[in-house]
Amino acid sequence: MTRFVIAAALTLCAASSAFTQQPEATSLSGKPLMIPATIANRQKLDADLAQAEKTLAANPKDAEAMIWVGRRLGYLWRYNDAIAMFSKGIALYPDNPKFYRHRGHRYISVRQFAAAQADFEKAAQLIKGKADEIEPDGAPNPAAQPRSTLQFNIWYHLALSHYLQGNYAKAYDAWVECMKVSNNDDSIVATSDWMWMTLMRLDRKGDAAKVLERITPKMDILENAAYHRRLLMYKGLEKPEALLDTASPDPTQIATQGYGVANYYFVTGNPAKAREVFERITSGVSWNAFGYIAAEADLRRMK
């Protein structure tokens, strides 16, 4: 009996371990993607989620409370739980564009690009003719100044969902709309960077050069320093090697700067070097970063 109990306990333990180790997503190459064992600022993120859940419990049908629980789940890499929360919100509030905007973002995180595209297209329809609004930050910058808006994020992520699927013409159209609501230098450099890359993929080098005309070394950048440096590299004011030789401990920044460099090599005629950097990015841990996801997509197309 004792042996049976021990064996049963071991089986239960193994099953429990297997359950907790289920991947959060699957990479485009088929690799299981796990929630990291260590997440920066984990204690604060857990506390923020607990507070958001408490607020929602007091107001179970409050749209903003639901959105914040979903966002807080996402910051903890719990993307499927976040998607479920936003889907619940959509069921209750099918005309609220914020739920589609945030669910679409997390569909990108789990590599469901077509689903993300559909959500952002719906959100774009819902905001048509409406005034834009500041989107509050879940992780404020040092100046505590929100730098993006609801409409910026809808168009930005819609364009990205097209880009990741290789639909560059549609991506460019969405970047144009995104630029219309890019109202500070952080937004401008983020949009300009992806717009330049998209135009280069379309072999529209002259138009890509025009995108860089407004980019200068001195801009009011609070958040998107990596995008700013990438743009300066495209202009010839930074060396690709300098962007790769980063001292930043932030793996997201490494993936972001690295993707700009890899893409630069790719569109300027050095696919072998591009592949090398793409593979360097995807060997890292920051699988939720857009640069990492884009590197996966490019590697799949290069095969």
Protein backbone atom coordinates (compact mmCIF):
# COMPACT_ATOMS: atom_id res chain seq x y z
CA MET A 1 0.00 0.00 0.00
CA THR A 2 2.80 2.37 0.90
CA ARG A 3 4.49 1.75 -2.43
CA PHE A 4 1.19 2.38 -4.19
CA VAL A 5 0.67 5.66 -2.36
CA ILE A 6 4.21 6.80 -3.14
CA ALA A 7 3.86 5.83 -6.80
CA ALA A 8 0.52 7.63 -7.03
CA ALA A 9 2.02 10.71 -5.41
CA LEU A 10 4.93 10.69 -7.81
CA THR A 11 2.55 10.31 -10.76
CA LEU A 12 0.42 13.19 -9.50
CA CYS A 13 3.52 15.32 -8.98
CA ALA A 14 4.74 14.56 -12.49
CA ALA A 15 1.34 15.38 -13.95
CA SER A 16 1.23 18.63 -12.01
CA SER A 17 4.72 19.52 -13.19
CA ALA A 18 3.76 18.75 -16.78
CA PHE A 19 0.70 20.96 -16.41
CA THR A 20 2.66 23.92 -15.07
CA GLN A 21 5.22 23.56 -17.84
CA GLN A 22 2.75 23.91 -20.69
CA PRO A 23 4.06 26.39 -23.29
CA GLU A 24 2.42 29.78 -23.47
CA ALA A 25 2.92 29.86 -27.23
CA THR A 26 4.77 28.13 -30.06
CA SER A 27 7.41 29.86 -32.14
CA LEU A 28 7.09 30.03 -35.91
CA SER A 29 9.74 27.32 -36.10
CA GLY A 30 7.73 25.04 -33.81
CA LYS A 31 9.64 25.66 -30.58
CA PRO A 32 7.57 25.76 -27.36
CA LEU A 33 7.74 29.18 -25.72
CA MET A 34 7.55 29.13 -21.94
CA ILE A 35 6.85 31.83 -19.41
CA PRO A 36 10.30 32.78 -18.03
CA ALA A 37 11.18 31.49 -14.60
CA THR A 38 12.42 34.97 -13.75
CA ILE A 39 10.52 38.11 -14.73
CA ALA A 40 11.89 41.56 -13.98
CA ASN A 41 9.94 43.37 -11.24
CA ARG A 42 7.89 40.23 -10.66
CA GLN A 43 6.82 41.17 -7.14
CA LYS A 44 5.43 44.53 -8.27
CA LEU A 45 3.75 43.02 -11.32
CA ASP A 46 2.07 40.39 -9.13
CA ALA A 47 0.91 43.09 -6.72
CA ASP A 48 -0.42 45.22 -9.59
CA LEU A 49 -2.36 42.26 -10.95
CA ALA A 50 -3.80 41.47 -7.52
CA GLN A 51 -4.99 45.07 -7.17
CA ALA A 52 -6.50 45.03 -10.67
CA GLU A 53 -8.33 41.78 -9.88
CA LYS A 54 -9.61 43.27 -6.62
CA THR A 55 -10.94 46.30 -8.49
CA LEU A 56 -12.63 44.05 -11.04
CA ALA A 57 -14.15 41.86 -8.32
CA ALA A 58 -15.83 44.97 -6.91
CA ASN A 59 -17.09 45.94 -10.39
CA PRO A 60 -17.33 42.70 -12.42
CA LYS A 61 -18.69 44.33 -15.58
CA ASP A 62 -16.56 47.48 -15.55
CA ALA A 63 -14.84 47.69 -18.95
CA GLU A 64 -11.74 49.56 -17.77
CA ALA A 65 -11.29 47.18 -14.84
CA MET A 66 -11.42 44.22 -17.24
CA ILE A 67 -8.92 45.87 -19.56
CA TRP A 68 -6.46 46.44 -16.73
CA VAL A 69 -6.67 42.85 -15.54
CA GLY A 70 -5.95 41.72 -19.11
CA ARG A 71 -3.06 44.13 -19.43
CA ARG A 72 -1.58 43.10 -16.08
CA LEU A 73 -1.81 39.43 -17.07
CA GLY A 74 0.07 40.27 -20.26
CA TYR A 75 2.90 41.96 -18.36
CA LEU A 76 3.37 38.63 -16.57
CA TRP A 77 3.61 36.80 -19.94
CA ARG A 78 0.22 35.15 -19.27
CA TYR A 79 -0.93 35.93 -22.79
CA ASN A 80 -3.61 33.30 -23.14
CA ASP A 81 -5.23 34.39 -19.88
CA ALA A 82 -5.06 37.97 -21.14
CA ILE A 83 -6.71 36.98 -24.43
CA ALA A 84 -9.46 35.23 -22.49
CA MET A 85 -10.10 38.34 -20.40
CA PHE A 86 -10.27 40.60 -23.45
CA SER A 87 -12.56 38.10 -25.19
CA LYS A 88 -14.85 38.27 -22.17
CA GLY A 89 -14.86 42.03 -22.50
CA ILE A 90 -15.68 41.83 -26.21
CA ALA A 91 -18.64 39.57 -25.43
CA LEU A 92 -19.99 42.24 -23.07
CA TYR A 93 -18.91 45.31 -25.04
CA PRO A 94 -18.60 44.40 -28.73
CA ASP A 95 -18.35 48.06 -29.76
CA ASN A 96 -15.48 48.97 -27.43
CA PRO A 97 -12.31 49.26 -29.59
CA LYS A 98 -9.98 48.96 -26.59
CA PHE A 99 -10.70 45.26 -26.12
CA TYR A 100 -9.85 44.51 -29.76
CA ARG A 101 -6.71 46.66 -29.57
CA HIS A 102 -5.39 44.81 -26.52
CA ARG A 103 -6.49 41.33 -27.58
CA GLY A 104 -4.88 41.87 -30.99
CA HIS A 105 -1.61 42.78 -29.30
CA ARG A 106 -1.60 39.52 -27.39
CA TYR A 107 -2.52 37.54 -30.48
CA ILE A 108 0.72 38.89 -31.94
CA SER A 109 2.56 37.71 -28.82
CA VAL A 110 1.31 34.14 -29.35
CA ARG A 111 1.99 34.26 -33.13
CA GLN A 112 -1.65 34.35 -34.27
CA PHE A 113 -1.12 37.14 -36.78
CA ALA A 114 -4.30 36.74 -38.82
CA ALA A 115 -6.42 36.86 -35.65
CA ALA A 116 -4.51 39.97 -34.57
CA GLN A 117 -5.11 41.60 -37.95
CA ALA A 118 -8.85 40.92 -37.69
CA ASP A 119 -9.01 42.49 -34.23
CA PHE A 120 -7.14 45.63 -35.28
CA GLU A 121 -9.26 46.00 -38.40
CA LYS A 122 -12.36 45.85 -36.20
CA ALA A 123 -10.86 48.39 -33.81
CA ALA A 124 -10.01 50.70 -36.72
CA GLN A 125 -13.64 50.57 -37.85
CA LEU A 126 -14.85 51.40 -34.36
CA ILE A 127 -12.63 54.48 -33.95
CA LYS A 128 -13.48 55.94 -37.34
CA GLY A 129 -14.59 59.56 -36.98
CA LYS A 130 -13.91 59.63 -33.23
CA ALA A 131 -11.49 61.78 -31.26
CA ASP A 132 -8.25 60.14 -30.20
CA GLU A 133 -7.36 59.62 -26.54
CA ILE A 134 -4.21 59.10 -24.52
CA GLU A 135 -3.60 55.50 -23.57
CA PRO A 136 -2.37 55.27 -19.97
CA ASP A 137 0.89 53.42 -19.45
CA GLY A 138 1.08 50.19 -17.51
CA ALA A 139 4.82 50.74 -17.08
CA PRO A 140 5.30 54.54 -17.08
CA ASN A 141 8.48 56.06 -18.48
CA PRO A 142 10.80 57.97 -16.10
CA ALA A 143 9.06 61.25 -16.94
CA ALA A 144 5.63 59.70 -16.25
CA GLN A 145 4.41 61.09 -19.57
CA PRO A 146 2.24 58.73 -21.66
CA ARG A 147 3.54 58.85 -25.24
CA SER A 148 0.96 56.87 -27.18
CA THR A 149 -2.73 57.02 -27.91
CA LEU A 150 -5.47 54.51 -28.56
CA GLN A 151 -5.57 55.27 -32.29
CA PHE A 152 -1.78 55.19 -32.59
CA ASN A 153 -1.67 51.74 -31.02
CA ILE A 154 -4.46 50.39 -33.21
CA TRP A 155 -2.81 51.50 -36.46
CA TYR A 156 0.70 50.60 -35.26
CA HIS A 157 -0.22 47.06 -34.36
CA LEU A 158 -2.42 46.59 -37.44
CA ALA A 159 0.54 47.57 -39.61
CA LEU A 160 2.77 45.21 -37.64
CA SER A 161 0.35 42.31 -38.07
CA HIS A 162 0.48 42.83 -41.85
CA TYR A 163 4.28 43.17 -41.82
CA LEU A 164 4.72 39.94 -39.88
CA GLN A 165 2.64 38.12 -42.50
CA GLY A 166 4.74 39.59 -45.32
CA ASN A 167 1.88 41.80 -46.54
CA TYR A 168 4.09 44.86 -46.96
CA ALA A 169 1.77 46.95 -49.16
CA LYS A 170 -1.04 46.71 -46.61
CA ALA A 171 1.46 47.31 -43.80
CA TYR A 172 2.59 50.53 -45.47
CA ASP A 173 -0.99 51.79 -45.80
CA ALA A 174 -1.49 51.24 -42.08
CA TRP A 175 1.82 52.97 -41.23
CA VAL A 176 0.57 56.01 -43.15
CA GLU A 177 -2.52 56.10 -40.95
CA CYS A 178 -0.34 55.54 -37.88
CA MET A 179 1.84 58.52 -38.78
CA LYS A 180 -1.25 60.74 -38.85
CA VAL A 181 -1.70 60.10 -35.11
CA SER A 182 2.03 60.07 -34.20
CA ASN A 183 2.06 63.31 -32.24
CA ASN A 184 5.40 63.22 -30.42
CA ASP A 185 8.95 62.17 -31.23
CA ASP A 186 8.65 58.76 -29.55
CA SER A 187 5.67 57.89 -31.74
CA ILE A 188 7.28 59.42 -34.81
CA VAL A 189 10.48 57.36 -34.54
CA ALA A 190 8.57 54.13 -33.86
CA THR A 191 6.35 54.64 -36.90
CA SER A 192 9.18 55.94 -39.09
CA ASP A 193 11.37 52.94 -38.34
CA TRP A 194 8.82 50.33 -39.38
CA MET A 195 7.71 52.48 -42.31
CA TRP A 196 11.31 52.65 -43.58
CA MET A 197 11.71 48.89 -43.24
CA THR A 198 8.41 48.28 -45.01
CA LEU A 199 9.27 50.60 -47.91
CA MET A 200 12.65 48.93 -48.30
CA ARG A 201 10.92 45.54 -48.48
CA LEU A 202 8.74 47.03 -51.24
CA ASP A 203 11.90 48.24 -53.02
CA ARG A 204 10.70 51.84 -52.73
CA LYS A 205 14.10 53.19 -51.75
CA GLY A 206 13.35 56.79 -52.70
CA ASP A 207 10.27 56.90 -50.48
CA ALA A 208 12.20 55.20 -47.69
CA ALA A 209 14.85 57.94 -47.89
CA LYS A 210 12.13 60.59 -47.52
CA VAL A 211 10.99 58.98 -44.26
CA LEU A 212 14.43 59.72 -42.80
CA GLU A 213 14.40 63.42 -43.64
CA ARG A 214 12.70 64.45 -40.39
CA ILE A 215 14.95 62.24 -38.24
CA THR A 216 17.75 64.11 -36.44
CA PRO A 217 20.21 63.14 -33.69
CA LYS A 218 18.51 65.48 -31.23
CA MET A 219 14.89 64.50 -30.73
CA ASP A 220 12.64 64.42 -27.66
CA ILE A 221 12.90 60.69 -26.96
CA LEU A 222 11.66 59.30 -23.64
CA GLU A 223 10.97 55.67 -24.56
CA ASN A 224 12.03 54.66 -28.04
CA ALA A 225 15.77 55.21 -28.02
CA ALA A 226 16.33 51.89 -29.83
CA TYR A 227 14.13 52.95 -32.74
CA HIS A 228 15.83 56.34 -32.82
CA ARG A 229 19.26 54.73 -33.06
CA ARG A 230 18.06 52.39 -35.80
CA LEU A 231 16.87 55.35 -37.85
CA LEU A 232 20.18 57.13 -37.37
CA MET A 233 21.87 53.95 -38.61
CA TYR A 234 19.70 53.98 -41.74
CA LYS A 235 20.84 57.58 -42.31
CA GLY A 236 24.48 56.53 -41.95
CA LEU A 237 24.98 58.35 -38.64
CA GLU A 238 25.37 55.14 -36.61
CA LYS A 239 27.25 51.95 -37.47
CA PRO A 240 25.38 48.63 -37.43
CA GLU A 241 28.11 47.11 -35.27
CA ALA A 242 27.60 49.81 -32.65
CA LEU A 243 23.93 48.89 -32.25
CA LEU A 244 24.76 45.22 -31.84
CA ASP A 245 27.46 45.97 -29.28
CA THR A 246 24.89 46.93 -26.68
CA ALA A 247 25.62 47.12 -22.99
CA SER A 248 21.91 47.09 -22.18
CA PRO A 249 20.89 44.21 -19.92
CA ASP A 250 17.33 44.48 -21.25
CA PRO A 251 16.76 41.56 -23.66
CA THR A 252 13.86 43.41 -25.28
CA GLN A 253 16.16 46.29 -26.21
CA ILE A 254 18.71 43.81 -27.54
CA ALA A 255 16.05 42.16 -29.72
CA THR A 256 14.74 45.53 -30.88
CA GLN A 257 18.10 46.97 -31.86
CA GLY A 258 19.22 43.63 -33.24
CA TYR A 259 16.23 43.32 -35.54
CA GLY A 260 16.89 46.76 -37.00
CA VAL A 261 20.46 45.76 -37.75
CA ALA A 262 19.49 42.38 -39.23
CA ASN A 263 16.85 43.96 -41.43
CA TYR A 264 19.34 46.64 -42.54
CA TYR A 265 21.73 43.93 -43.68
CA PHE A 266 18.88 42.10 -45.41
CA VAL A 267 17.54 45.05 -47.42
CA THR A 268 21.02 46.33 -48.32
CA GLY A 269 22.09 43.06 -49.93
CA ASN A 270 23.74 40.97 -47.21
CA PRO A 271 21.28 38.14 -46.43
CA ALA A 272 23.97 35.93 -44.89
CA LYS A 273 24.81 38.56 -42.29
CA ALA A 274 21.09 39.20 -41.78
CA ARG A 275 20.47 35.54 -41.07
CA GLU A 276 23.31 35.51 -38.56
CA VAL A 277 21.74 38.36 -36.59
CA PHE A 278 18.19 36.98 -36.93
CA GLU A 279 19.44 33.72 -35.43
CA ARG A 280 21.25 35.58 -32.67
CA ILE A 281 18.00 37.33 -31.74
CA THR A 282 15.95 34.13 -31.70
CA SER A 283 18.51 32.38 -29.53
CA GLY A 284 17.73 34.89 -26.79
CA VAL A 285 15.06 34.80 -24.11
CA SER A 286 12.88 37.78 -25.03
CA TRP A 287 10.45 35.87 -27.25
CA ASN A 288 7.69 38.41 -26.58
CA ALA A 289 9.60 41.30 -28.22
CA PHE A 290 8.42 42.45 -31.63
CA GLY A 291 12.00 42.27 -32.91
CA TYR A 292 12.20 38.62 -31.86
CA ILE A 293 8.86 37.81 -33.50
CA ALA A 294 9.81 39.62 -36.71
CA ALA A 295 13.15 37.77 -36.78
CA GLU A 296 11.25 34.47 -36.53
CA ALA A 297 9.01 35.51 -39.41
CA ASP A 298 11.95 36.49 -41.60
CA LEU A 299 13.87 33.31 -40.86
CA ARG A 300 10.83 31.23 -41.85
CA ARG A 301 10.56 33.12 -45.16
CA MET A 302 14.30 32.77 -45.83
CA LYS A 303 14.20 28.97 -45.70
